[in-house]
Amino acid sequence: ANSDMYYSKLAELQAYFKTHDKIKEYQGHSSKVHSVGWSCDGSRLASGSFDKAV
């Protein structure tokens, strides 16, 4: 079950890098995002930005 979610998220990222098309857009940072990370179970996404927010 968790591995299915992981591979689903991975497939989304691979699609982005292959096509450079936007998959999903999240709002919240006032500056460019420099890093992202998924929780182990794939249920949460954290992002770090040059606005010094996580």
Protein backbone atom coordinates (compact mmCIF):
# COMPACT_ATOMS: atom_id res chain seq x y z
CA ALA A 1 0.00 0.00 0.00
CA ASN A 2 2.68 2.54 1.01
CA SER A 3 4.93 1.35 -1.79
CA ASP A 4 2.09 1.98 -4.27
CA MET A 5 1.83 5.58 -3.04
CA TYR A 6 5.62 5.98 -3.25
CA TYR A 7 5.71 4.73 -6.84
CA SER A 8 2.75 6.94 -7.74
CA LYS A 9 4.58 10.02 -6.43
CA LEU A 10 7.78 8.91 -8.14
CA ALA A 11 5.93 8.49 -11.44
CA GLU A 12 4.58 12.05 -11.11
CA LEU A 13 8.08 13.43 -10.61
CA GLN A 14 9.47 11.41 -13.51
CA ALA A 15 6.69 12.72 -15.75
CA TYR A 16 7.60 16.26 -14.79
CA PHE A 17 11.27 15.87 -15.53
CA LYS A 18 10.58 14.15 -18.86
CA THR A 19 8.06 16.68 -20.13
CA HIS A 20 8.70 19.80 -18.03
CA ASP A 21 4.93 20.17 -17.77
CA LYS A 22 3.40 21.36 -14.54
CA ILE A 23 1.76 18.50 -12.64
CA LYS A 24 0.55 20.35 -9.59
CA GLU A 25 1.23 23.77 -8.12
CA TYR A 26 1.26 24.57 -4.43
CA GLN A 27 1.04 28.08 -2.99
CA GLY A 28 2.77 29.28 0.15
CA HIS A 29 6.31 30.52 -0.42
CA SER A 30 7.13 34.11 -1.31
CA SER A 31 10.45 33.14 -2.93
CA LYS A 32 11.89 30.31 -5.03
CA VAL A 33 11.83 26.80 -3.55
CA HIS A 34 15.27 25.20 -3.34
CA SER A 35 14.44 21.81 -1.79
CA VAL A 36 11.57 19.39 -1.27
CA GLY A 37 11.19 16.14 0.65
CA TRP A 38 8.45 13.54 1.11
CA SER A 39 7.62 11.91 4.44
CA CYS A 40 8.46 8.20 4.63
CA ASP A 41 4.83 7.19 4.14
CA GLY A 42 4.35 9.62 1.24
CA SER A 43 1.54 11.51 2.94
CA ARG A 44 3.37 14.83 3.47
CA LEU A 45 5.58 17.08 1.42
CA ALA A 46 7.95 19.62 2.97
CA SER A 47 9.61 22.41 1.03
CA GLY A 48 12.36 24.86 1.82
CA SER A 49 12.55 28.27 0.21
CA PHE A 50 14.79 31.30 -0.03
CA ASP A 51 12.07 33.07 1.98
CA LYS A 52 13.50 31.10 4.96
CA ALA A 53 10.24 29.19 5.49
CA VAL A 54 9.75 25.41 5.59
